[in-house]
Amino acid sequence: MSIRSILFFVLTAIPLFAAEDYFFKANELYDQGKYKEAVPLYRAAIDEGRYEPFAWFNLGNALVQLDRKQVAMVAYKRTVELLPNFEKAWMLLGDLYYLGGDVGEAIAAYNRAIELGVESDHVHFALAECYLKGRDWTLAQKNFERALQLNPDRMDAWYGLAEVYEKLGDYEYAIKTLQNALQMTATAGADVHFTMAYYYRSMDSTRQSLNEMENGLLMDPENVSARRYLAQMYVQNNSPWMAIFTLEEGLRHNKGKADLNLDLGQIYFSQKRYDEAFDCYMRAWLAGNSQGRIGAENVGHVFSNAGDTEKAENLYKRIREKK
């Protein structure tokens, strides 16, 4: 390709606007969600120089939208070089450092944004997360608390604050934190109870842990994983009848039938209630859990080993016929 052809390509790659129009036209495209089309116009505005700091900043925003975070970081860095007191650029630069795993640089950028007047739950939460990763429990706690002062409905900050206390081995304060969350925010859901159940169990408070699991399932009765976990807790607490009730209650919601039936089969098998165990294993297998077939075959083996070959053959036949 000749130099003349290359020059023609470069000149025609960017629409020919008046120099001062590049920046505003790029903003229009950005507002329309046309980020890719906006990028060359922001670059043209940068070359023109009149709106350079803001063109760099908006270029960074467009590149973030295009998931080109490394190049966006360059744009934000150039923004703060040209406009050191631009607090929002520091905040977004901190976000990119945080997403990239550079906790130290993220902390520096966020703190600079705060020095310049940014006071948002987003910045304090992100700072707290950075300090948590760096095991600075004091500053993590301080920033989670500040984030919650600014936005009490920020559930992830409640969890973060509880995690700080967990790291310190203070499960009682972790539980109190989540109890406060239940009282102070409408966004607290079943997971709060499940998390408190974990903390109580870590304190060997089995009864309270069971209560919180039950409270969580009242809010989210279709949570199959939590239901299976609660049933297992009942089994370990020598309450197999409560485990059976928990699993059967779950089957009423038509969720996770394969896994719930498998768990029921295992409990019945351990109680030597082999006919019920076989039926549950078969239902688990028919619902898609291959472990159900293994369980059903084991029931057949029990009768075979006990010398009841007729019963065993009937069960094996049902397995072969898958019914």
Protein backbone atom coordinates (compact mmCIF):
# COMPACT_ATOMS: atom_id res chain seq x y z
CA MET A 1 0.00 0.00 0.00
CA SER A 2 1.42 3.42 -0.97
CA ILE A 3 1.98 6.29 1.48
CA ARG A 4 -0.77 8.18 -0.30
CA SER A 5 -3.19 5.26 0.17
CA ILE A 6 -2.27 4.95 3.87
CA LEU A 7 -2.85 8.68 4.36
CA PHE A 8 -6.23 8.40 2.63
CA PHE A 9 -7.17 5.48 4.95
CA VAL A 10 -6.20 7.38 8.10
CA LEU A 11 -8.07 10.48 7.05
CA THR A 12 -11.22 8.55 6.23
CA ALA A 13 -11.12 6.27 9.30
CA ILE A 14 -12.38 9.17 11.46
CA PRO A 15 -15.36 11.23 10.32
CA LEU A 16 -14.32 14.73 9.35
CA PHE A 17 -15.67 17.05 12.05
CA ALA A 18 -14.38 20.42 13.12
CA ALA A 19 -11.67 19.93 15.74
CA GLU A 20 -13.81 21.17 18.65
CA ASP A 21 -16.61 18.80 17.62
CA TYR A 22 -14.66 15.57 18.22
CA PHE A 23 -15.15 15.59 21.97
CA PHE A 24 -18.87 16.39 21.90
CA LYS A 25 -19.60 13.98 19.09
CA ALA A 26 -17.76 11.22 20.98
CA ASN A 27 -19.89 11.98 24.05
CA GLU A 28 -23.05 11.64 21.97
CA LEU A 29 -21.92 8.26 20.71
CA TYR A 30 -20.99 7.18 24.25
CA ASP A 31 -24.44 8.16 25.55
CA GLN A 32 -25.96 6.06 22.75
CA GLY A 33 -23.92 3.05 23.86
CA LYS A 34 -21.73 3.21 20.75
CA TYR A 35 -18.48 2.88 22.69
CA LYS A 36 -16.37 1.45 19.89
CA GLU A 37 -17.33 4.31 17.59
CA ALA A 38 -16.60 6.85 20.32
CA VAL A 39 -13.01 5.68 20.92
CA PRO A 40 -11.37 7.11 17.74
CA LEU A 41 -13.17 10.43 18.27
CA TYR A 42 -11.88 10.71 21.84
CA ARG A 43 -8.40 10.00 20.49
CA ALA A 44 -8.87 12.74 17.90
CA ALA A 45 -9.97 15.12 20.64
CA ILE A 46 -6.86 14.22 22.62
CA ASP A 47 -4.67 14.95 19.62
CA GLU A 48 -6.46 18.28 19.16
CA GLY A 49 -5.67 19.03 22.82
CA ARG A 50 -8.48 21.42 23.71
CA TYR A 51 -10.37 19.01 25.97
CA GLU A 52 -7.47 16.65 26.59
CA PRO A 53 -7.88 15.71 30.32
CA PHE A 54 -11.60 15.04 29.95
CA ALA A 55 -11.13 13.28 26.63
CA TRP A 56 -8.64 10.94 28.31
CA PHE A 57 -11.12 10.32 31.12
CA ASN A 58 -14.03 9.61 28.80
CA LEU A 59 -11.79 7.45 26.64
CA GLY A 60 -11.06 5.40 29.75
CA ASN A 61 -14.79 5.06 30.42
CA ALA A 62 -15.43 3.89 26.86
CA LEU A 63 -12.60 1.36 27.06
CA VAL A 64 -13.98 -0.03 30.33
CA GLN A 65 -17.32 -0.54 28.60
CA LEU A 66 -15.47 -2.44 25.87
CA ASP A 67 -13.76 -4.56 28.56
CA ARG A 68 -10.34 -3.21 27.63
CA LYS A 69 -9.39 -2.51 31.22
CA GLN A 70 -5.60 -2.42 30.82
CA VAL A 71 -5.80 0.29 28.16
CA ALA A 72 -8.45 2.10 30.21
CA MET A 73 -6.00 2.19 33.12
CA VAL A 74 -3.51 4.02 30.90
CA ALA A 75 -6.21 6.57 30.04
CA TYR A 76 -7.10 7.17 33.71
CA LYS A 77 -3.43 7.48 34.65
CA ARG A 78 -2.98 10.11 31.97
CA THR A 79 -6.09 11.88 33.26
CA VAL A 80 -4.73 12.26 36.79
CA GLU A 81 -1.34 13.33 35.43
CA LEU A 82 -3.04 16.20 33.60
CA LEU A 83 -5.67 16.85 36.27
CA PRO A 84 -4.29 15.65 39.64
CA ASN A 85 -7.36 16.79 41.59
CA PHE A 86 -9.91 14.93 39.47
CA GLU A 87 -11.33 12.73 42.25
CA LYS A 88 -13.55 10.53 40.07
CA ALA A 89 -10.61 9.52 37.90
CA TRP A 90 -8.73 8.43 41.03
CA MET A 91 -11.74 6.41 42.15
CA LEU A 92 -12.10 4.61 38.81
CA LEU A 93 -8.36 4.05 38.66
CA GLY A 94 -8.66 2.42 42.09
CA ASP A 95 -11.41 0.17 40.75
CA LEU A 96 -9.19 -1.04 37.92
CA TYR A 97 -6.27 -1.66 40.24
CA TYR A 98 -8.59 -3.60 42.56
CA LEU A 99 -10.01 -5.70 39.73
CA GLY A 100 -6.47 -6.37 38.54
CA GLY A 101 -5.43 -7.60 41.98
CA ASP A 102 -3.02 -4.74 42.70
CA VAL A 103 -4.28 -4.04 46.22
CA GLY A 104 -1.52 -1.60 47.19
CA GLU A 105 -2.09 0.68 44.19
CA ALA A 106 -5.85 0.42 44.68
CA ILE A 107 -5.54 1.58 48.30
CA ALA A 108 -3.39 4.55 47.23
CA ALA A 109 -5.85 5.59 44.50
CA TYR A 110 -8.93 5.23 46.73
CA ASN A 111 -7.31 7.18 49.56
CA ARG A 112 -6.38 9.94 47.11
CA ALA A 113 -10.01 10.08 45.96
CA ILE A 114 -11.14 10.38 49.58
CA GLU A 115 -8.59 13.16 50.22
CA LEU A 116 -10.10 15.03 47.28
CA GLY A 117 -13.61 14.77 48.70
CA VAL A 118 -15.09 11.47 47.50
CA GLU A 119 -17.21 10.08 50.29
CA SER A 120 -19.21 7.15 49.02
CA ASP A 121 -20.07 3.69 50.25
CA HIS A 122 -18.50 2.32 47.06
CA VAL A 123 -15.04 3.70 47.83
CA HIS A 124 -15.09 2.75 51.51
CA PHE A 125 -16.35 -0.75 50.73
CA ALA A 126 -13.66 -1.25 48.11
CA LEU A 127 -11.01 0.06 50.50
CA ALA A 128 -12.26 -2.29 53.22
CA GLU A 129 -12.02 -5.22 50.82
CA CYS A 130 -8.43 -4.21 49.99
CA TYR A 131 -7.49 -4.01 53.65
CA LEU A 132 -9.22 -7.35 54.28
CA LYS A 133 -7.08 -8.96 51.58
CA GLY A 134 -4.03 -7.39 53.23
CA ARG A 135 -5.10 -8.71 56.66
CA ASP A 136 -5.31 -5.20 58.10
CA TRP A 137 -8.37 -5.95 60.22
CA THR A 138 -8.50 -2.53 61.90
CA LEU A 139 -8.69 -0.50 58.68
CA ALA A 140 -10.97 -3.08 57.09
CA GLN A 141 -13.38 -2.73 60.01
CA LYS A 142 -13.18 1.08 59.90
CA ASN A 143 -14.04 1.26 56.21
CA PHE A 144 -16.80 -1.36 56.31
CA GLU A 145 -18.39 0.61 59.15
CA ARG A 146 -18.09 3.86 57.18
CA ALA A 147 -19.63 2.23 54.11
CA LEU A 148 -22.57 1.13 56.26
CA GLN A 149 -22.98 4.61 57.73
CA LEU A 150 -23.30 5.93 54.20
CA ASN A 151 -25.51 3.07 52.99
CA PRO A 152 -27.04 0.79 55.66
CA ASP A 153 -28.68 -1.32 52.92
CA ARG A 154 -25.31 -2.43 51.58
CA MET A 155 -25.52 -6.11 52.51
CA ASP A 156 -22.07 -7.01 51.22
CA ALA A 157 -20.59 -4.53 53.70
CA TRP A 158 -22.46 -6.23 56.57
CA TYR A 159 -21.00 -9.55 55.45
CA GLY A 160 -17.57 -7.98 55.14
CA LEU A 161 -17.72 -6.55 58.66
CA ALA A 162 -18.87 -9.92 60.01
CA GLU A 163 -15.95 -11.55 58.19
CA VAL A 164 -13.51 -9.22 59.94
CA TYR A 165 -14.79 -10.43 63.30
CA GLU A 166 -14.64 -14.02 62.05
CA LYS A 167 -10.98 -13.54 61.09
CA LEU A 168 -10.36 -12.24 64.60
CA GLY A 169 -12.05 -15.34 66.03
CA ASP A 170 -14.85 -13.26 67.55
CA TYR A 171 -17.89 -15.20 66.32
CA GLU A 172 -20.20 -13.51 68.83
CA TYR A 173 -19.55 -10.09 67.28
CA ALA A 174 -19.84 -11.59 63.80
CA ILE A 175 -23.29 -12.87 64.76
CA LYS A 176 -24.27 -9.55 66.35
CA THR A 177 -23.24 -7.78 63.15
CA LEU A 178 -25.56 -9.92 61.06
CA GLN A 179 -28.35 -9.59 63.61
CA ASN A 180 -27.99 -5.81 63.23
CA ALA A 181 -28.18 -6.27 59.48
CA LEU A 182 -31.51 -8.07 59.84
CA GLN A 183 -32.86 -5.15 61.86
CA MET A 184 -31.44 -2.31 59.79
CA THR A 185 -31.75 -3.37 56.16
CA ALA A 186 -34.57 -4.64 54.03
CA THR A 187 -32.15 -6.43 51.71
CA ALA A 188 -31.11 -9.04 54.29
CA GLY A 189 -32.21 -12.48 53.09
CA ALA A 190 -31.96 -16.14 53.93
CA ASP A 191 -28.18 -16.17 53.47
CA VAL A 192 -27.82 -14.06 56.62
CA HIS A 193 -29.38 -16.87 58.64
CA PHE A 194 -27.29 -19.50 56.88
CA THR A 195 -24.12 -17.52 57.64
CA MET A 196 -25.10 -17.12 61.29
CA ALA A 197 -25.71 -20.88 61.40
CA TYR A 198 -22.12 -21.37 60.27
CA TYR A 199 -20.85 -19.05 63.00
CA TYR A 200 -22.91 -20.79 65.69
CA ARG A 201 -21.62 -24.15 64.53
CA SER A 202 -18.07 -22.81 64.76
CA MET A 203 -18.89 -22.01 68.40
CA ASP A 204 -20.28 -25.54 68.94
CA SER A 205 -23.73 -24.05 69.48
CA THR A 206 -25.54 -26.77 67.57
CA ARG A 207 -29.08 -25.93 68.65
CA GLN A 208 -28.73 -22.27 67.67
CA SER A 209 -27.09 -23.29 64.40
CA LEU A 210 -30.06 -25.56 63.62
CA ASN A 211 -32.47 -22.74 64.48
CA GLU A 212 -30.76 -20.34 62.06
CA MET A 213 -30.76 -22.92 59.28
CA GLU A 214 -34.49 -23.40 59.85
CA ASN A 215 -35.04 -19.63 59.83
CA GLY A 216 -33.17 -19.38 56.54
CA LEU A 217 -35.27 -22.12 54.96
CA LEU A 218 -38.44 -20.36 56.04
CA MET A 219 -37.29 -17.43 53.90
CA ASP A 220 -35.92 -19.57 51.06
CA PRO A 221 -37.70 -22.94 51.16
CA GLU A 222 -36.48 -23.93 47.69
CA ASN A 223 -32.79 -23.75 48.63
CA VAL A 224 -31.87 -27.40 48.08
CA SER A 225 -28.23 -27.09 49.22
CA ALA A 226 -29.23 -25.50 52.54
CA ARG A 227 -31.96 -28.10 53.06
CA ARG A 228 -29.54 -30.99 52.50
CA TYR A 229 -27.04 -29.34 54.84
CA LEU A 230 -29.68 -28.99 57.56
CA ALA A 231 -30.74 -32.62 57.12
CA GLN A 232 -27.12 -33.71 57.50
CA MET A 233 -26.84 -31.64 60.67
CA TYR A 234 -29.88 -33.42 62.08
CA VAL A 235 -28.36 -36.80 61.23
CA GLN A 236 -25.13 -35.84 63.01
CA ASN A 237 -27.22 -34.62 65.95
CA ASN A 238 -28.89 -38.05 66.20
CA SER A 239 -32.23 -36.70 64.96
CA PRO A 240 -32.81 -38.73 61.79
CA TRP A 241 -36.58 -38.21 61.99
CA MET A 242 -36.04 -34.45 61.71
CA ALA A 243 -33.69 -35.03 58.78
CA ILE A 244 -36.38 -37.09 57.06
CA PHE A 245 -38.99 -34.40 57.73
CA THR A 246 -36.66 -31.70 56.36
CA LEU A 247 -35.98 -33.61 53.14
CA GLU A 248 -39.61 -34.63 52.59
CA GLU A 249 -40.65 -31.02 53.10
CA GLY A 250 -38.21 -30.06 50.38
CA LEU A 251 -39.75 -32.54 47.95
CA ARG A 252 -43.02 -30.65 48.22
CA HIS A 253 -41.35 -27.72 46.41
CA ASN A 254 -40.42 -29.85 43.39
CA LYS A 255 -36.78 -28.72 43.51
CA GLY A 256 -33.75 -30.98 43.65
CA LYS A 257 -35.74 -34.21 43.70
CA ALA A 258 -32.78 -36.34 42.65
CA ASP A 259 -30.52 -35.19 45.49
CA LEU A 260 -33.22 -35.06 48.16
CA ASN A 261 -34.39 -38.58 47.36
CA LEU A 262 -30.81 -39.82 47.40
CA ASP A 263 -30.30 -38.36 50.89
CA LEU A 264 -33.58 -39.88 52.06
CA GLY A 265 -32.51 -43.26 50.69
CA GLN A 266 -29.25 -43.09 52.61
CA ILE A 267 -31.03 -42.30 55.87
CA TYR A 268 -33.57 -45.10 55.40
CA PHE A 269 -30.75 -47.49 54.47
CA SER A 270 -28.85 -46.62 57.66
CA GLN A 271 -32.05 -47.37 59.61
CA LYS A 272 -32.44 -50.70 57.78
CA ARG A 273 -35.73 -49.53 56.29
CA TYR A 274 -34.72 -51.15 53.04
CA ASP A 275 -37.99 -51.00 51.11
CA GLU A 276 -38.26 -47.24 51.67
CA ALA A 277 -34.58 -46.83 50.91
CA PHE A 278 -35.00 -48.71 47.61
CA ASP A 279 -37.94 -46.56 46.53
CA CYS A 280 -36.05 -43.34 47.31
CA TYR A 281 -32.93 -44.53 45.51
CA MET A 282 -34.97 -45.43 42.45
CA ARG A 283 -36.69 -42.03 42.45
CA ALA A 284 -33.27 -40.37 42.73
CA TRP A 285 -31.97 -42.41 39.78
CA LEU A 286 -35.04 -41.76 37.65
CA ALA A 287 -34.68 -38.03 38.43
CA GLY A 288 -31.12 -38.04 37.11
CA ASN A 289 -28.77 -38.95 39.97
CA SER A 290 -26.74 -42.03 38.95
CA GLN A 291 -25.85 -42.64 42.60
CA GLY A 292 -29.46 -43.69 43.05
CA ARG A 293 -28.89 -46.84 40.99
CA ILE A 294 -25.87 -47.76 43.10
CA GLY A 295 -27.96 -47.30 46.24
CA ALA A 296 -30.77 -49.42 44.83
CA GLU A 297 -28.32 -52.19 43.90
CA ASN A 298 -26.89 -52.10 47.43
CA VAL A 299 -30.37 -52.70 48.81
CA GLY A 300 -30.66 -55.73 46.52
CA HIS A 301 -27.28 -56.96 47.76
CA VAL A 302 -28.50 -56.76 51.35
CA PHE A 303 -31.32 -59.21 50.64
CA SER A 304 -29.09 -61.40 48.50
CA ASN A 305 -26.46 -61.63 51.24
CA ALA A 306 -29.20 -62.43 53.76
CA GLY A 307 -30.30 -65.38 51.62
CA ASP A 308 -33.57 -63.82 50.43
CA THR A 309 -32.84 -64.43 46.75
CA GLU A 310 -36.44 -64.04 45.67
CA LYS A 311 -36.65 -60.53 47.13
CA ALA A 312 -33.25 -59.66 45.75
CA GLU A 313 -34.17 -60.83 42.24
CA ASN A 314 -37.40 -58.80 42.33
CA LEU A 315 -35.40 -55.68 43.18
CA TYR A 316 -32.76 -56.38 40.54
CA LYS A 317 -35.55 -56.83 37.99
CA ARG A 318 -36.99 -53.43 38.88
CA ILE A 319 -33.54 -51.93 38.44
CA ARG A 320 -33.11 -53.57 35.04
CA GLU A 321 -36.53 -52.37 33.97
CA LYS A 322 -35.87 -49.00 35.58
CA LYS A 323 -39.19 -48.81 37.37
